[in-house]
Amino acid sequence: MLPAAATRVTPEEYLAFDRASEISHEFVNGEIRAMTVGTLAHGVILTQVASTLVGQLRGRPCDVVSQAIRVRIPVSGNYLIPDVVVACGGTRLEDDQHDTMLNPTVVVEVLSPSTANYDRGEKANMYRRIPSLKDYLLVSQTEPFVQHYRRFGDEGLCLLRETEGLDASVELESIGCVVQMAEIYERVFPAESTEAYSTEETS
């Protein structure tokens, strides 16, 4: 049973609960938050982002994981589960359970209408606390649009650029990858259409 929202738990209690659960949860300021099921477009986009990065990073000391590993936030002790996370140069794990990463290099979140403000605000502020994190991408699922935050020295993560359109690309200098928008949005926004997946029923 998920603890009541008003009940504060320790990180240790959260980890024990989440590891025994059939669904994933994040841990923010003492609260356990269940992960919601995404849309088809959400799943396709995160899979295509991960697939593109895996292809470009093959043969290099990098791990690409999608919705399958926690990231621990320093100081606060919060735990988040990114849509896609990349660690290069040797992945550091929190304990012998091998399910919590300490040193992400790139994090990608696919925005949903219900979580967009959270991903841009509170969640972005948590990710900023991770010294190893160099790039943070927010990917829209309603239009071909990506917001790219990059770490600039002691300034933390700052908005570098906003990219839109299927002909554009997103450059991740920290891991030496260039991701084409057409690859991110293949089938979600076909080149000949500006429409997202239809919600109409077919007979």
Protein backbone atom coordinates (compact mmCIF):
# COMPACT_ATOMS: atom_id res chain seq x y z
CA MET A 1 0.00 0.00 0.00
CA LEU A 2 1.25 3.46 -0.87
CA PRO A 3 1.71 5.63 2.26
CA ALA A 4 -0.75 8.52 2.58
CA ALA A 5 0.43 11.71 0.87
CA ALA A 6 0.67 13.51 4.22
CA THR A 7 2.91 10.79 5.67
CA ARG A 8 6.61 11.61 5.53
CA VAL A 9 8.99 8.71 5.07
CA THR A 10 12.75 8.35 5.12
CA PRO A 11 14.84 7.62 2.01
CA GLU A 12 15.46 4.13 3.38
CA GLU A 13 11.72 3.50 3.77
CA TYR A 14 11.11 4.78 0.26
CA LEU A 15 13.75 2.51 -1.26
CA ALA A 16 12.39 -0.54 0.56
CA PHE A 17 8.85 0.29 -0.57
CA ASP A 18 9.74 1.04 -4.18
CA ARG A 19 11.92 -2.04 -4.60
CA ALA A 20 9.04 -4.23 -3.43
CA SER A 21 6.46 -2.49 -5.64
CA GLU A 22 5.35 -3.56 -9.11
CA ILE A 23 5.23 0.08 -10.26
CA SER A 24 7.87 2.80 -9.99
CA HIS A 25 7.81 5.74 -7.61
CA GLU A 26 9.83 8.90 -7.13
CA PHE A 27 10.76 10.35 -3.74
CA VAL A 28 10.53 14.11 -3.21
CA ASN A 29 10.90 15.88 0.13
CA GLY A 30 9.75 12.91 2.16
CA GLU A 31 6.82 12.02 -0.10
CA ILE A 32 6.48 8.94 -2.30
CA ARG A 33 4.99 9.80 -5.70
CA ALA A 34 3.69 7.09 -8.02
CA MET A 35 4.78 7.32 -11.65
CA THR A 36 1.86 7.71 -14.05
CA VAL A 37 1.35 5.80 -17.29
CA GLY A 38 2.32 7.86 -20.34
CA THR A 39 0.69 8.20 -23.74
CA LEU A 40 1.69 6.32 -26.88
CA ALA A 41 3.48 9.42 -28.16
CA HIS A 42 5.36 9.75 -24.86
CA GLY A 43 6.57 6.16 -25.04
CA VAL A 44 7.54 6.34 -28.71
CA ILE A 45 9.49 9.58 -28.23
CA LEU A 46 11.50 8.38 -25.24
CA THR A 47 12.24 5.07 -26.98
CA GLN A 48 13.46 6.85 -30.11
CA VAL A 49 15.62 9.26 -28.12
CA ALA A 50 17.20 6.36 -26.24
CA SER A 51 17.68 4.33 -29.43
CA THR A 52 19.36 7.24 -31.22
CA LEU A 53 21.75 7.83 -28.31
CA VAL A 54 22.57 4.13 -27.98
CA GLY A 55 23.49 4.00 -31.66
CA GLN A 56 25.77 7.04 -31.47
CA LEU A 57 27.42 5.98 -28.20
CA ARG A 58 28.05 2.35 -29.14
CA GLY A 59 31.62 1.34 -28.30
CA ARG A 60 32.08 4.17 -25.81
CA PRO A 61 32.01 3.93 -21.98
CA CYS A 62 28.43 5.21 -21.73
CA ASP A 63 25.19 3.76 -20.41
CA VAL A 64 21.79 4.82 -21.79
CA VAL A 65 18.76 3.87 -19.69
CA SER A 66 15.07 4.70 -20.16
CA GLN A 67 12.62 4.73 -17.22
CA ALA A 68 14.47 1.91 -15.50
CA ILE A 69 16.82 3.48 -12.97
CA ARG A 70 16.62 6.06 -10.21
CA VAL A 71 18.84 9.11 -9.99
CA ARG A 72 19.75 10.33 -6.51
CA ILE A 73 19.74 14.07 -5.88
CA PRO A 74 22.63 15.19 -3.63
CA VAL A 75 21.99 16.93 -0.29
CA SER A 76 18.19 16.59 -0.43
CA GLY A 77 18.26 12.81 -0.74
CA ASN A 78 15.43 12.90 -3.28
CA TYR A 79 15.14 10.23 -5.97
CA LEU A 80 13.88 10.81 -9.52
CA ILE A 81 13.31 8.42 -12.43
CA PRO A 82 14.18 10.15 -15.74
CA ASP A 83 12.55 9.20 -19.02
CA VAL A 84 16.04 8.79 -20.48
CA VAL A 85 19.37 9.14 -18.68
CA VAL A 86 22.95 8.86 -19.96
CA ALA A 87 26.09 8.37 -17.87
CA CYS A 88 29.52 8.44 -19.51
CA GLY A 89 32.97 7.72 -18.15
CA GLY A 90 31.87 5.01 -15.73
CA THR A 91 28.45 4.78 -14.10
CA ARG A 92 28.48 5.19 -10.32
CA LEU A 93 25.77 3.37 -8.38
CA GLU A 94 24.52 4.04 -4.86
CA ASP A 95 24.56 0.48 -3.50
CA ASP A 96 24.74 -3.20 -4.40
CA GLN A 97 21.15 -3.18 -5.68
CA HIS A 98 22.43 -1.49 -8.89
CA ASP A 99 19.20 0.46 -9.37
CA THR A 100 20.22 4.01 -8.41
CA MET A 101 22.60 6.18 -10.44
CA LEU A 102 24.73 8.92 -8.89
CA ASN A 103 26.45 10.56 -11.88
CA PRO A 104 24.15 11.22 -14.86
CA THR A 105 25.64 13.24 -17.72
CA VAL A 106 22.43 13.83 -19.69
CA VAL A 107 18.79 13.65 -18.59
CA VAL A 108 15.81 13.74 -20.97
CA GLU A 109 12.22 14.29 -19.86
CA VAL A 110 9.28 14.00 -22.28
CA LEU A 111 6.71 16.61 -21.28
CA SER A 112 3.08 15.81 -20.54
CA PRO A 113 0.39 18.49 -20.10
CA SER A 114 0.01 17.50 -16.44
CA THR A 115 3.75 17.53 -15.63
CA ALA A 116 5.25 20.21 -17.92
CA ASN A 117 5.38 22.93 -15.27
CA TYR A 118 6.82 20.49 -12.72
CA ASP A 119 9.50 19.30 -15.16
CA ARG A 120 10.50 22.89 -15.98
CA GLY A 121 10.36 24.06 -12.38
CA GLU A 122 10.75 21.87 -9.31
CA LYS A 123 12.24 18.89 -11.12
CA ALA A 124 14.72 21.05 -13.06
CA ASN A 125 15.83 22.65 -9.79
CA MET A 126 16.48 19.21 -8.32
CA TYR A 127 18.50 18.08 -11.32
CA ARG A 128 20.59 21.27 -11.09
CA ARG A 129 22.03 19.94 -7.83
CA ILE A 130 23.76 17.04 -9.58
CA PRO A 131 27.33 18.19 -10.36
CA SER A 132 27.86 15.60 -13.11
CA LEU A 133 24.75 16.64 -15.09
CA LYS A 134 25.76 18.61 -18.19
CA ASP A 135 22.59 18.59 -20.32
CA TYR A 136 18.88 18.53 -19.53
CA LEU A 137 16.38 18.17 -22.39
CA LEU A 138 12.65 18.83 -22.17
CA VAL A 139 10.92 17.25 -25.16
CA SER A 140 7.37 18.19 -26.14
CA GLN A 141 5.01 15.44 -27.26
CA THR A 142 2.46 17.83 -28.79
CA GLU A 143 4.78 19.56 -31.29
CA PRO A 144 8.36 19.13 -32.58
CA PHE A 145 9.93 21.27 -29.86
CA VAL A 146 12.86 20.73 -27.46
CA GLN A 147 14.19 22.96 -24.69
CA HIS A 148 17.90 22.39 -24.03
CA TYR A 149 19.46 23.33 -20.70
CA ARG A 150 23.27 23.10 -20.36
CA ARG A 151 25.59 23.53 -17.41
CA PHE A 152 27.85 26.56 -17.66
CA GLY A 153 30.48 26.38 -14.90
CA ASP A 154 29.23 27.57 -11.54
CA GLU A 155 26.10 29.08 -13.07
CA GLY A 156 24.37 25.71 -13.07
CA LEU A 157 21.94 24.61 -15.77
CA CYS A 158 20.86 27.49 -18.00
CA LEU A 159 18.55 27.50 -21.00
CA LEU A 160 20.86 27.20 -24.01
CA ARG A 161 18.38 27.11 -26.86
CA GLU A 162 14.92 26.10 -27.97
CA THR A 163 14.77 23.91 -31.05
CA GLU A 164 11.67 23.40 -33.18
CA GLY A 165 10.80 21.78 -36.49
CA LEU A 166 11.62 18.39 -37.96
CA ASP A 167 14.55 19.73 -39.99
CA ALA A 168 16.49 20.89 -36.91
CA SER A 169 18.83 19.01 -34.57
CA VAL A 170 19.95 19.07 -30.94
CA GLU A 171 23.69 18.95 -30.19
CA LEU A 172 24.89 17.37 -26.95
CA GLU A 173 28.53 18.40 -26.73
CA SER A 174 29.01 16.71 -23.36
CA ILE A 175 28.66 13.28 -24.95
CA GLY A 176 29.50 14.13 -28.56
CA CYS A 177 26.06 13.39 -30.00
CA VAL A 178 23.76 15.20 -32.43
CA VAL A 179 20.12 14.13 -32.28
CA GLN A 180 17.94 14.90 -35.29
CA MET A 181 14.45 16.15 -34.50
CA ALA A 182 13.10 13.91 -37.26
CA GLU A 183 14.52 10.90 -35.37
CA ILE A 184 12.96 12.00 -32.09
CA TYR A 185 9.53 12.47 -33.64
CA GLU A 186 9.44 9.72 -36.27
CA ARG A 187 5.86 8.35 -36.52
CA VAL A 188 4.66 10.88 -33.94
CA PHE A 189 4.92 13.72 -36.46
CA PRO A 190 5.51 12.16 -39.90
CA ALA A 191 7.38 14.42 -42.31
CA GLU A 192 4.29 14.86 -44.48
CA SER A 193 2.03 15.76 -41.55
CA THR A 194 1.95 18.18 -38.63
CA GLU A 195 -0.67 16.10 -36.82
CA ALA A 196 0.15 14.06 -33.72
CA TYR A 197 -1.26 10.56 -33.21
CA SER A 198 -5.00 10.54 -33.83
CA THR A 199 -7.33 9.79 -30.93
CA GLU A 200 -10.21 8.87 -33.24
CA GLU A 201 -11.56 5.34 -33.04
CA THR A 202 -11.40 3.19 -36.15
CA SER A 203 -14.03 0.68 -37.17
